C-alpha atoms as a PDB file:
ATOM      1  CA  MET A   1      73.449 125.458  53.831  1.00  0.00           C
ATOM      2  CA  ILE A   2      69.981 125.625  55.405  1.00  0.00           C
ATOM      3  CA  SER A   3      69.983 123.346  58.441  1.00  0.00           C
ATOM      4  CA  GLY A   4      67.753 122.479  61.361  1.00  0.00           C
ATOM      5  CA  ASP A   5      70.562 121.213  63.587  1.00  0.00           C
ATOM      6  CA  PRO A   6      71.761 123.768  66.162  1.00  0.00           C
ATOM      7  CA  THR A   7      74.679 121.497  67.127  1.00  0.00           C
ATOM      8  CA  LEU A   8      76.318 122.400  63.807  1.00  0.00           C
ATOM      9  CA  LEU A   9      77.392 125.613  65.518  1.00  0.00           C
ATOM     10  CA  ASP A  10      78.633 123.932  68.710  1.00  0.00           C
ATOM     11  CA  PRO A  11      82.414 123.352  68.487  1.00  0.00           C
ATOM     12  CA  LYS A  12      82.110 120.401  70.910  1.00  0.00           C
ATOM     13  CA  SER A  13      79.576 118.481  68.813  1.00  0.00           C
ATOM     14  CA  ARG A  14      80.062 115.721  66.260  1.00  0.00           C
ATOM     15  CA  ALA A  15      78.035 117.732  63.769  1.00  0.00           C
ATOM     16  CA  PHE A  16      80.513 120.621  64.021  1.00  0.00           C
ATOM     17  CA  GLY A  17      83.335 118.190  63.279  1.00  0.00           C
ATOM     18  CA  ARG A  18      81.546 117.019  60.131  1.00  0.00           C
ATOM     19  CA  LEU A  19      80.946 120.640  59.153  1.00  0.00           C
ATOM     20  CA  GLU A  20      84.666 121.385  59.401  1.00  0.00           C
ATOM     21  CA  LEU A  21      85.372 118.471  57.037  1.00  0.00           C
ATOM     22  CA  GLN A  22      82.863 119.940  54.597  1.00  0.00           C
ATOM     23  CA  ARG A  23      84.263 123.454  54.868  1.00  0.00           C
ATOM     24  CA  ALA A  24      87.704 122.166  53.903  1.00  0.00           C
ATOM     25  CA  GLN A  25      86.273 120.981  50.563  1.00  0.00           C
ATOM     26  CA  VAL A  26      84.937 124.321  49.320  1.00  0.00           C
ATOM     27  CA  GLU A  27      86.049 127.938  49.161  1.00  0.00           C
ATOM     28  CA  ARG A  28      83.241 129.087  51.442  1.00  0.00           C
ATOM     29  CA  LEU A  29      80.403 127.444  53.326  1.00  0.00           C
ATOM     30  CA  ASP A  30      77.825 129.578  55.129  1.00  0.00           C
ATOM     31  CA  VAL A  31      75.405 127.806  57.463  1.00  0.00           C
ATOM     32  CA  PHE A  32      72.009 129.053  58.604  1.00  0.00           C
ATOM     33  CA  VAL A  33      70.074 127.119  61.242  1.00  0.00           C
ATOM     34  CA  TRP A  34      66.436 127.927  60.518  1.00  0.00           C
ATOM     35  CA  PRO A  35      64.278 128.632  62.427  1.00  0.00           C
ATOM     36  CA  GLN A  36      66.011 127.627  65.689  1.00  0.00           C
ATOM     37  CA  ILE A  37      68.808 130.216  65.492  1.00  0.00           C
ATOM     38  CA  HIS A  38      68.463 132.308  62.331  1.00  0.00           C
ATOM     39  CA  SER A  39      65.198 133.962  61.332  1.00  0.00           C
ATOM     40  CA  LEU A  40      64.024 134.190  57.749  1.00  0.00           C
ATOM     41  CA  GLY A  41      64.795 137.916  57.794  1.00  0.00           C
ATOM     42  CA  THR A  42      68.338 137.276  59.048  1.00  0.00           C
ATOM     43  CA  ILE A  43      68.961 134.777  56.256  1.00  0.00           C
ATOM     44  CA  LEU A  44      67.590 137.039  53.513  1.00  0.00           C
ATOM     45  CA  LYS A  45      69.659 139.958  54.783  1.00  0.00           C
ATOM     46  CA  ALA A  46      72.831 137.835  55.034  1.00  0.00           C
ATOM     47  CA  VAL A  47      72.576 136.465  51.487  1.00  0.00           C
ATOM     48  CA  HIS A  48      71.561 139.769  49.870  1.00  0.00           C
ATOM     49  CA  GLY A  49      74.088 140.635  47.209  1.00  0.00           C
ATOM     50  CA  GLN A  50      76.007 137.391  47.746  1.00  0.00           C
ATOM     51  CA  HIS A  51      76.714 134.867  45.017  1.00  0.00           C
ATOM     52  CA  TYR A  52      76.490 131.190  45.897  1.00  0.00           C
ATOM     53  CA  ASP A  53      77.157 128.380  43.467  1.00  0.00           C
ATOM     54  CA  VAL A  54      75.032 125.905  45.447  1.00  0.00           C
ATOM     55  CA  VAL A  55      72.273 126.169  48.020  1.00  0.00           C
ATOM     56  CA  THR A  56      71.771 122.974  50.008  1.00  0.00           C
ATOM     57  CA  ALA A  57      69.097 122.106  52.556  1.00  0.00           C
ATOM     58  CA  GLN A  58      69.199 119.333  55.137  1.00  0.00           C
ATOM     59  CA  ASP A  59      65.625 118.246  54.479  1.00  0.00           C
ATOM     60  CA  PRO A  60      63.211 118.426  51.533  1.00  0.00           C
ATOM     61  CA  PHE A  61      60.366 120.029  53.495  1.00  0.00           C
ATOM     62  CA  TRP A  62      60.153 123.749  54.474  1.00  0.00           C
ATOM     63  CA  ARG A  63      63.916 124.126  54.537  1.00  0.00           C
ATOM     64  CA  GLY A  64      64.036 122.599  51.072  1.00  0.00           C
ATOM     65  CA  HIS A  65      61.385 125.057  49.934  1.00  0.00           C
ATOM     66  CA  LEU A  66      63.391 127.996  51.312  1.00  0.00           C
ATOM     67  CA  ALA A  67      66.545 126.655  49.647  1.00  0.00           C
ATOM     68  CA  TRP A  68      64.705 126.469  46.319  1.00  0.00           C
ATOM     69  CA  HIS A  69      63.644 130.123  46.577  1.00  0.00           C
ATOM     70  CA  LEU A  70      67.188 131.204  47.431  1.00  0.00           C
ATOM     71  CA  ALA A  71      68.730 129.108  44.651  1.00  0.00           C
ATOM     72  CA  ARG A  72      66.292 130.455  42.079  1.00  0.00           C
ATOM     73  CA  ARG A  73      66.917 134.025  43.243  1.00  0.00           C
ATOM     74  CA  MET A  74      70.708 133.655  42.935  1.00  0.00           C
ATOM     75  CA  HIS A  75      70.731 131.339  39.879  1.00  0.00           C
ATOM     76  CA  ALA A  76      72.496 128.701  41.994  1.00  0.00           C
ATOM     77  CA  ARG A  77      72.246 124.939  41.926  1.00  0.00           C
ATOM     78  CA  LEU A  78      69.859 123.328  44.388  1.00  0.00           C
ATOM     79  CA  ASN A  79      71.018 120.337  46.431  1.00  0.00           C
ATOM     80  CA  LEU A  80      68.554 118.638  48.764  1.00  0.00           C
ATOM     81  CA  GLN A  81      69.393 116.127  51.464  1.00  0.00           C
ATOM     82  CA  VAL A  82      67.165 113.335  52.750  1.00  0.00           C
ATOM     83  CA  HIS A  83      68.002 111.992  56.189  1.00  0.00           C
ATOM     84  CA  THR A  84      64.557 110.762  57.165  1.00  0.00           C
ATOM     85  CA  ASP A  85      62.374 107.814  56.179  1.00  0.00           C
ATOM     86  CA  LEU A  86      60.036 109.404  53.644  1.00  0.00           C
ATOM     87  CA  ALA A  87      57.770 106.344  53.606  1.00  0.00           C
ATOM     88  CA  ALA A  88      56.962 106.962  57.276  1.00  0.00           C
ATOM     89  CA  GLN A  89      55.758 110.531  56.645  1.00  0.00           C
ATOM     90  CA  PRO A  90      52.073 111.570  56.468  1.00  0.00           C
ATOM     91  CA  TRP A  91      50.830 111.644  52.874  1.00  0.00           C
ATOM     92  CA  TRP A  92      50.716 115.449  52.698  1.00  0.00           C
ATOM     93  CA  ARG A  93      54.283 115.722  53.986  1.00  0.00           C
ATOM     94  CA  LEU A  94      55.447 113.089  51.495  1.00  0.00           C
ATOM     95  CA  VAL A  95      53.821 114.965  48.605  1.00  0.00           C
ATOM     96  CA  TRP A  96      55.392 118.233  49.791  1.00  0.00           C
ATOM     97  CA  ALA A  97      58.830 116.568  49.934  1.00  0.00           C
ATOM     98  CA  TYR A  98      58.590 115.274  46.365  1.00  0.00           C
ATOM     99  CA  VAL A  99      57.505 118.703  45.088  1.00  0.00           C
ATOM    100  CA  GLN A 100      60.820 120.060  46.403  1.00  0.00           C
ATOM    101  CA  LEU A 101      62.893 117.044  45.328  1.00  0.00           C
ATOM    102  CA  ARG A 102      61.698 117.351  41.727  1.00  0.00           C
ATOM    103  CA  ARG A 103      63.094 120.882  41.701  1.00  0.00           C
ATOM    104  CA  ALA A 104      66.556 119.781  42.845  1.00  0.00           C
ATOM    105  CA  ASP A 105      69.653 119.589  40.668  1.00  0.00           C
ATOM    106  CA  SER A 106      71.090 116.872  42.922  1.00  0.00           C
ATOM    107  CA  VAL A 107      69.928 114.851  45.915  1.00  0.00           C
ATOM    108  CA  ARG A 108      71.953 113.303  48.719  1.00  0.00           C
ATOM    109  CA  VAL A 109      70.583 110.404  50.764  1.00  0.00           C
ATOM    110  CA  VAL A 110      72.129 108.419  53.598  1.00  0.00           C
ATOM    111  CA  SER A 111      71.282 104.880  52.480  1.00  0.00           C
ATOM    112  CA  GLU A 112      70.731 102.688  49.428  1.00  0.00           C
ATOM    113  CA  ARG A 113      67.259 101.976  50.762  1.00  0.00           C
ATOM    114  CA  LEU A 114      66.291 105.632  50.460  1.00  0.00           C
ATOM    115  CA  LYS A 115      67.780 105.850  46.981  1.00  0.00           C
ATOM    116  CA  LYS A 116      65.694 102.890  45.799  1.00  0.00           C
ATOM    117  CA  GLU A 117      62.529 104.388  47.277  1.00  0.00           C
ATOM    118  CA  MET A 118      63.083 107.694  45.500  1.00  0.00           C
ATOM    119  CA  ALA A 119      64.655 106.670  42.188  1.00  0.00           C
ATOM    120  CA  SER A 120      61.414 106.380  40.208  1.00  0.00           C
ATOM    121  CA  HIS A 121      59.982 109.659  41.510  1.00  0.00           C
ATOM    122  CA  ILE A 122      62.654 112.241  40.713  1.00  0.00           C
ATOM    123  CA  ARG A 123      64.903 113.055  37.774  1.00  0.00           C
ATOM    124  CA  ALA A 124      67.913 114.504  39.599  1.00  0.00           C
ATOM    125  CA  PRO A 125      70.966 112.312  40.259  1.00  0.00           C
ATOM    126  CA  ILE A 126      70.819 110.688  43.701  1.00  0.00           C
ATOM    127  CA  PHE A 127      74.043 110.231  45.663  1.00  0.00           C
ATOM    128  CA  VAL A 128      74.382 107.896  48.629  1.00  0.00           C
ATOM    129  CA  VAL A 129      76.655 109.356  51.304  1.00  0.00           C
ATOM    130  CA  PRO A 130      76.270 107.914  54.804  1.00  0.00           C
ATOM    131  CA  ILE A 131      76.515 110.128  57.853  1.00  0.00           C
ATOM    132  CA  TYR A 132      80.179 110.259  58.817  1.00  0.00           C
ATOM    133  CA  ILE A 133      81.018 108.420  62.037  1.00  0.00           C
ATOM    134  CA  ASP A 134      84.505 108.008  63.460  1.00  0.00           C
ATOM    135  CA  LEU A 135      84.467 104.286  64.182  1.00  0.00           C
ATOM    136  CA  ALA A 136      87.984 104.047  65.635  1.00  0.00           C
ATOM    137  CA  PRO A 137      86.838 104.134  69.300  1.00  0.00           C
ATOM    138  CA  PHE A 138      84.362 101.302  68.682  1.00  0.00           C
ATOM    139  CA  LEU A 139      86.541  98.830  66.779  1.00  0.00           C
ATOM    140  CA  GLY A 140      87.927  95.969  68.827  1.00  0.00           C
ATOM    141  CA  LEU A 141      85.930  96.927  71.916  1.00  0.00           C
ATOM    142  CA  ALA A 142      86.395  94.165  74.497  1.00  0.00           C
ATOM    143  CA  HIS A 143      83.216  92.695  75.983  1.00  0.00           C
ATOM    144  CA  THR A 144      82.955  92.883  79.772  1.00  0.00           C
ATOM    145  CA  HIS A 145      80.344  91.358  82.029  1.00  0.00           C
ATOM    146  CA  ASN A 146      77.830  93.681  83.631  1.00  0.00           C
ATOM    147  CA  PRO A 147      77.967  92.984  87.407  1.00  0.00           C
ATOM    148  CA  ARG A 148      74.350  94.058  87.807  1.00  0.00           C
ATOM    149  CA  PHE A 149      72.736  91.835  85.163  1.00  0.00           C
ATOM    150  CA  GLU A 150      73.421  88.328  83.897  1.00  0.00           C
ATOM    151  CA  LYS A 151      72.505  89.515  80.409  1.00  0.00           C
ATOM    152  CA  THR A 152      72.349  93.154  79.344  1.00  0.00           C
ATOM    153  CA  ILE A 153      69.995  94.678  76.786  1.00  0.00           C
ATOM    154  CA  LEU A 154      71.018  98.196  75.730  1.00  0.00           C
ATOM    155  CA  TRP A 155      68.646 100.739  74.198  1.00  0.00           C
ATOM    156  CA  ILE A 156      70.000 104.086  72.937  1.00  0.00           C
ATOM    157  CA  GLY A 157      68.014 107.115  71.891  1.00  0.00           C
ATOM    158  CA  ARG A 158      65.563 109.867  72.700  1.00  0.00           C
ATOM    159  CA  PHE A 159      62.636 109.077  74.982  1.00  0.00           C
ATOM    160  CA  GLU A 160      60.042 110.152  72.423  1.00  0.00           C
ATOM    161  CA  ALA A 161      57.027 108.439  70.848  1.00  0.00           C
ATOM    162  CA  GLU A 162      58.727 107.903  67.474  1.00  0.00           C
ATOM    163  CA  LYS A 163      61.510 105.913  69.189  1.00  0.00           C
ATOM    164  CA  ASP A 164      58.945 103.843  71.163  1.00  0.00           C
ATOM    165  CA  PRO A 165      61.118 103.219  74.237  1.00  0.00           C
ATOM    166  CA  GLU A 166      58.142 101.720  76.096  1.00  0.00           C
ATOM    167  CA  ASN A 167      58.344  98.768  73.710  1.00  0.00           C
ATOM    168  CA  ALA A 168      61.800  98.018  75.137  1.00  0.00           C
ATOM    169  CA  LEU A 169      60.153  97.459  78.523  1.00  0.00           C
ATOM    170  CA  ALA A 170      57.709  95.047  76.908  1.00  0.00           C
ATOM    171  CA  VAL A 171      60.594  93.165  75.268  1.00  0.00           C
ATOM    172  CA  LEU A 172      62.440  92.901  78.596  1.00  0.00           C
ATOM    173  CA  LYS A 173      59.302  91.580  80.275  1.00  0.00           C
ATOM    174  CA  GLN A 174      58.939  88.836  77.644  1.00  0.00           C
ATOM    175  CA  VAL A 175      62.632  87.918  77.807  1.00  0.00           C
ATOM    176  CA  ARG A 176      62.527  87.531  81.582  1.00  0.00           C
ATOM    177  CA  ALA A 177      59.269  85.562  81.381  1.00  0.00           C
ATOM    178  CA  ALA A 178      61.141  83.115  79.117  1.00  0.00           C
ATOM    179  CA  GLY A 179      63.629  82.432  81.930  1.00  0.00           C
ATOM    180  CA  VAL A 180      66.552  84.684  80.954  1.00  0.00           C
ATOM    181  CA  ASP A 181      67.961  86.837  83.770  1.00  0.00           C
ATOM    182  CA  ALA A 182      68.295  90.052  81.761  1.00  0.00           C
ATOM    183  CA  GLY A 183      68.304  93.734  82.592  1.00  0.00           C
ATOM    184  CA  LEU A 184      67.761  96.787  80.428  1.00  0.00           C
ATOM    185  CA  ILE A 185      69.768 100.012  80.157  1.00  0.00           C
ATOM    186  CA  LEU A 186      67.867 102.901  78.595  1.00  0.00           C
ATOM    187  CA  LEU A 187      70.641 105.262  77.507  1.00  0.00           C
ATOM    188  CA  GLY A 188      69.103 108.606  76.664  1.00  0.00           C
ATOM    189  CA  ALA A 189      66.538 111.155  77.772  1.00  0.00           C
ATOM    190  CA  GLY A 190      63.400 112.883  76.585  1.00  0.00           C
ATOM    191  CA  SER A 191      59.843 113.912  77.285  1.00  0.00           C
ATOM    192  CA  GLU A 192      58.741 110.371  78.226  1.00  0.00           C
ATOM    193  CA  ASP A 193      61.393 109.967  80.936  1.00  0.00           C
ATOM    194  CA  ALA A 194      59.069 110.152  83.961  1.00  0.00           C
ATOM    195  CA  ARG A 195      56.458 107.877  82.417  1.00  0.00           C
ATOM    196  CA  LEU A 196      59.075 105.241  81.504  1.00  0.00           C
ATOM    197  CA  ARG A 197      60.502 105.230  85.015  1.00  0.00           C
ATOM    198  CA  SER A 198      57.010 104.875  86.473  1.00  0.00           C
ATOM    199  CA  GLU A 199      56.179 101.999  84.115  1.00  0.00           C
ATOM    200  CA  ALA A 200      59.443 100.191  84.906  1.00  0.00           C
ATOM    201  CA  ARG A 201      58.650 100.431  88.637  1.00  0.00           C
ATOM    202  CA  ARG A 202      55.089  99.253  88.090  1.00  0.00           C
ATOM    203  CA  LEU A 203      56.310  96.199  86.182  1.00  0.00           C
ATOM    204  CA  THR A 204      59.120  95.644  88.744  1.00  0.00           C
ATOM    205  CA  LEU A 205      61.639  95.333  85.935  1.00  0.00           C
ATOM    206  CA  PRO A 206      65.438  95.772  86.331  1.00  0.00           C
ATOM    207  CA  VAL A 207      65.939  98.927  84.272  1.00  0.00           C
ATOM    208  CA  GLU A 208      68.646 101.585  84.548  1.00  0.00           C
ATOM    209  CA  PHE A 209      68.353 105.199  83.378  1.00  0.00           C
ATOM    210  CA  PRO A 210      71.873 106.696  83.165  1.00  0.00           C
ATOM    211  CA  GLY A 211      70.756 109.599  80.930  1.00  0.00           C
ATOM    212  CA  TRP A 212      72.896 110.762  78.020  1.00  0.00           C
ATOM    213  CA  GLN A 213      76.352 109.260  78.446  1.00  0.00           C
ATOM    214  CA  ASN A 214      79.278 108.141  76.321  1.00  0.00           C
ATOM    215  CA  PRO A 215      77.963 104.855  74.856  1.00  0.00           C
ATOM    216  CA  LEU A 216      81.345 103.084  74.879  1.00  0.00           C
ATOM    217  CA  PRO A 217      81.291 101.649  78.429  1.00  0.00           C
ATOM    218  CA  TYR A 218      77.673 100.574  77.959  1.00  0.00           C
ATOM    219  CA  LEU A 219      78.428  98.897  74.632  1.00  0.00           C
ATOM    220  CA  GLN A 220      81.209  96.979  76.366  1.00  0.00           C
ATOM    221  CA  MET A 221      78.663  95.471  78.756  1.00  0.00           C
ATOM    222  CA  ALA A 222      75.868  94.981  76.229  1.00  0.00           C
ATOM    223  CA  ASP A 223      74.932  91.522  74.991  1.00  0.00           C
ATOM    224  CA  VAL A 224      72.508  93.037  72.480  1.00  0.00           C
ATOM    225  CA  VAL A 225      71.421  96.487  71.364  1.00  0.00           C
ATOM    226  CA  LEU A 226      67.681  96.808  70.853  1.00  0.00           C
ATOM    227  CA  SER A 227      66.073  99.359  68.529  1.00  0.00           C
ATOM    228  CA  THR A 228      62.313  99.888  68.796  1.00  0.00           C
ATOM    229  CA  SER A 229      62.014 102.963  66.553  1.00  0.00           C
ATOM    230  CA  ARG A 230      58.922 103.372  64.439  1.00  0.00           C
ATOM    231  CA  PHE A 231      61.164 105.024  61.853  1.00  0.00           C
ATOM    232  CA  GLU A 232      64.784 106.191  61.700  1.00  0.00           C
ATOM    233  CA  SER A 233      66.473 108.871  59.658  1.00  0.00           C
ATOM    234  CA  TYR A 234      69.690 106.854  59.744  1.00  0.00           C
ATOM    235  CA  GLY A 235      70.640 105.054  62.954  1.00  0.00           C
ATOM    236  CA  ALA A 236      74.166 106.018  64.013  1.00  0.00           C
ATOM    237  CA  SER A 237      73.852 103.991  67.223  1.00  0.00           C
ATOM    238  CA  ILE A 238      73.224 100.882  65.116  1.00  0.00           C
ATOM    239  CA  ILE A 239      76.442 101.493  63.173  1.00  0.00           C
ATOM    240  CA  GLU A 240      78.451 102.077  66.343  1.00  0.00           C
ATOM    241  CA  ALA A 241      77.093  98.970  68.083  1.00  0.00           C
ATOM    242  CA  LEU A 242      77.869  96.686  65.146  1.00  0.00           C
ATOM    243  CA  ALA A 243      81.341  98.208  64.785  1.00  0.00           C
ATOM    244  CA  ALA A 244      81.878  97.328  68.459  1.00  0.00           C
ATOM    245  CA  GLY A 245      80.799  93.735  67.803  1.00  0.00           C
ATOM    246  CA  VAL A 246      77.476  94.028  69.610  1.00  0.00           C
ATOM    247  CA  PRO A 247      74.533  92.417  67.793  1.00  0.00           C
ATOM    248  CA  VAL A 248      71.595  94.693  67.025  1.00  0.00           C
ATOM    249  CA  VAL A 249      67.942  93.654  66.860  1.00  0.00           C
ATOM    250  CA  ALA A 250      65.732  96.153  65.049  1.00  0.00           C
ATOM    251  CA  PRO A 251      62.685  96.572  62.851  1.00  0.00           C
ATOM    252  CA  ASN A 252      63.375  97.462  59.232  1.00  0.00           C
ATOM    253  CA  VAL A 253      64.179 101.121  59.836  1.00  0.00           C
ATOM    254  CA  GLY A 254      66.924 103.445  58.662  1.00  0.00           C
ATOM    255  CA  ILE A 255      70.244 101.800  57.959  1.00  0.00           C
ATOM    256  CA  ALA A 256      69.542  98.690  60.079  1.00  0.00           C
ATOM    257  CA  LYS A 257      69.280  96.082  57.306  1.00  0.00           C
ATOM    258  CA  GLU A 258      72.169  97.396  55.217  1.00  0.00           C
ATOM    259  CA  ALA A 259      74.403  97.685  58.274  1.00  0.00           C
ATOM    260  CA  GLY A 260      73.950  94.070  59.382  1.00  0.00           C
ATOM    261  CA  ALA A 261      71.367  94.259  62.154  1.00  0.00           C
ATOM    262  CA  ILE A 262      69.010  91.368  62.829  1.00  0.00           C
ATOM    263  CA  VAL A 263      65.892  92.831  61.215  1.00  0.00           C
ATOM    264  CA  VAL A 264      62.547  91.384  62.254  1.00  0.00           C
ATOM    265  CA  PRO A 265      58.908  92.548  62.385  1.00  0.00           C
ATOM    266  CA  ARG A 266      58.158  94.629  65.459  1.00  0.00           C
ATOM    267  CA  SER A 267      56.041  91.795  66.863  1.00  0.00           C
ATOM    268  CA  ASN A 268      59.114  89.497  66.833  1.00  0.00           C
ATOM    269  CA  LEU A 269      61.608  91.777  68.600  1.00  0.00           C
ATOM    270  CA  ALA A 270      61.457  89.884  71.903  1.00  0.00           C
ATOM    271  CA  ALA A 271      61.950  86.495  70.222  1.00  0.00           C
ATOM    272  CA  ALA A 272      64.961  87.787  68.295  1.00  0.00           C
ATOM    273  CA  VAL A 273      66.522  89.308  71.433  1.00  0.00           C
ATOM    274  CA  LEU A 274      65.944  86.039  73.280  1.00  0.00           C
ATOM    275  CA  GLU A 275      67.694  84.064  70.531  1.00  0.00           C
ATOM    276  CA  VAL A 276      70.711  86.392  70.627  1.00  0.00           C
ATOM    277  CA  LEU A 277      71.014  86.212  74.417  1.00  0.00           C
ATOM    278  CA  ARG A 278      70.806  82.427  74.431  1.00  0.00           C
ATOM    279  CA  SER A 279      73.228  81.925  71.535  1.00  0.00           C
ATOM    280  CA  GLY A 280      75.833  84.505  72.593  1.00  0.00           C
ATOM    281  CA  ARG A 281      76.281  85.597  68.975  1.00  0.00           C
ATOM    282  CA  ARG A 282      78.186  88.787  68.234  1.00  0.00           C
ATOM    283  CA  GLY A 283      77.488  91.548  65.757  1.00  0.00           C
ATOM    284  CA  LYS A 284      79.347  92.520  62.604  1.00  0.00           C
ATOM    285  CA  LEU A 285      79.152  95.733  60.603  1.00  0.00           C
ATOM    286  CA  LEU A 286      78.520  94.859  56.957  1.00  0.00           C
ATOM    287  CA  LEU A 287      78.873  98.375  55.580  1.00  0.00           C
ATOM    288  CA  SER A 288      82.207  99.755  54.454  1.00  0.00           C
ATOM    289  CA  MET A 289      82.329 103.198  56.023  1.00  0.00           C
ATOM    290  CA  PRO A 290      84.419 105.930  54.358  1.00  0.00           C
ATOM    291  CA  SER A 291      87.313 107.679  56.058  1.00  0.00           C
ATOM    292  CA  ALA A 292      86.909 111.332  56.982  1.00  0.00           C
ATOM    293  CA  GLN A 293      88.689 112.469  53.829  1.00  0.00           C
ATOM    294  CA  GLU A 294      86.744 110.086  51.583  1.00  0.00           C
ATOM    295  CA  TRP A 295      83.464 111.156  53.141  1.00  0.00           C
ATOM    296  CA  ALA A 296      84.199 114.849  52.659  1.00  0.00           C
ATOM    297  CA  LYS A 297      85.212 114.305  49.033  1.00  0.00           C
ATOM    298  CA  ARG A 298      82.019 112.329  48.335  1.00  0.00           C
ATOM    299  CA  TRP A 299      79.976 115.080  49.966  1.00  0.00           C
ATOM    300  CA  ARG A 300      81.504 117.682  47.666  1.00  0.00           C
ATOM    301  CA  GLU A 301      80.787 115.546  44.604  1.00  0.00           C
ATOM    302  CA  THR A 302      77.063 115.528  45.446  1.00  0.00           C
ATOM    303  CA  LEU A 303      76.919 119.301  44.986  1.00  0.00           C
ATOM    304  CA  ILE A 304      78.224 119.422  41.432  1.00  0.00           C
END
């Protein structure tokens, strides 16, 4: 497996837990995190003289290209994974992805939406296997009132341009201008942290920045989860919020529509949040998520 996720090698991470499920399905699974941990030379040296039945890459870009070279060299099958929104990529990156995908023996995607986008462009079988999430902690989560806000808007993610957290401040401003006493919790961190804090102070908005924390206590207090992402590879936080009964308002990104989020154009996010806060509606996860064992079995089937 050629990956770009260093947390795969961290025993405390969710990704490591998923990796252990995968390892239980095959005789051997070697993982190389390129280029963050393993260099190209390290990978070539490690696989020299080895026989692999399948080489899989976690994206169809440069890692996919490396996986293709390794698979061809060892006469192995090539499996490529797509976790990102290809339609949101620059044209040259999209073309590069499809060059690799047309070389694949099998392709794994995380949503039906991605499968539909790709079906007419590649010949390989496409398997839909969502990212595994243990939903048990989120099911039946009791809603509690936030003592600091009358209504609570929760935003979860990285403070980066592609997630557009500044738009959440704009939504809060519009909601409060409409007469709803709401506050915003920005649960996450990133390179735009200082600028977001400065903007929240400038606008005199009630915004909290708890950093990266367990989302469960914040989901308990949330009246709505807001996504402002310009694109999403999947959207695990959307799945978790809906499983907890919290409504999600989002643009049409990642898994949002399939999962049961309230999907609206980006220009209508504030109006949709306002409607949810006034109506008190709750969220419901529409997807049937596989158990750990089912997920691992489906993952193995994508390789064959």
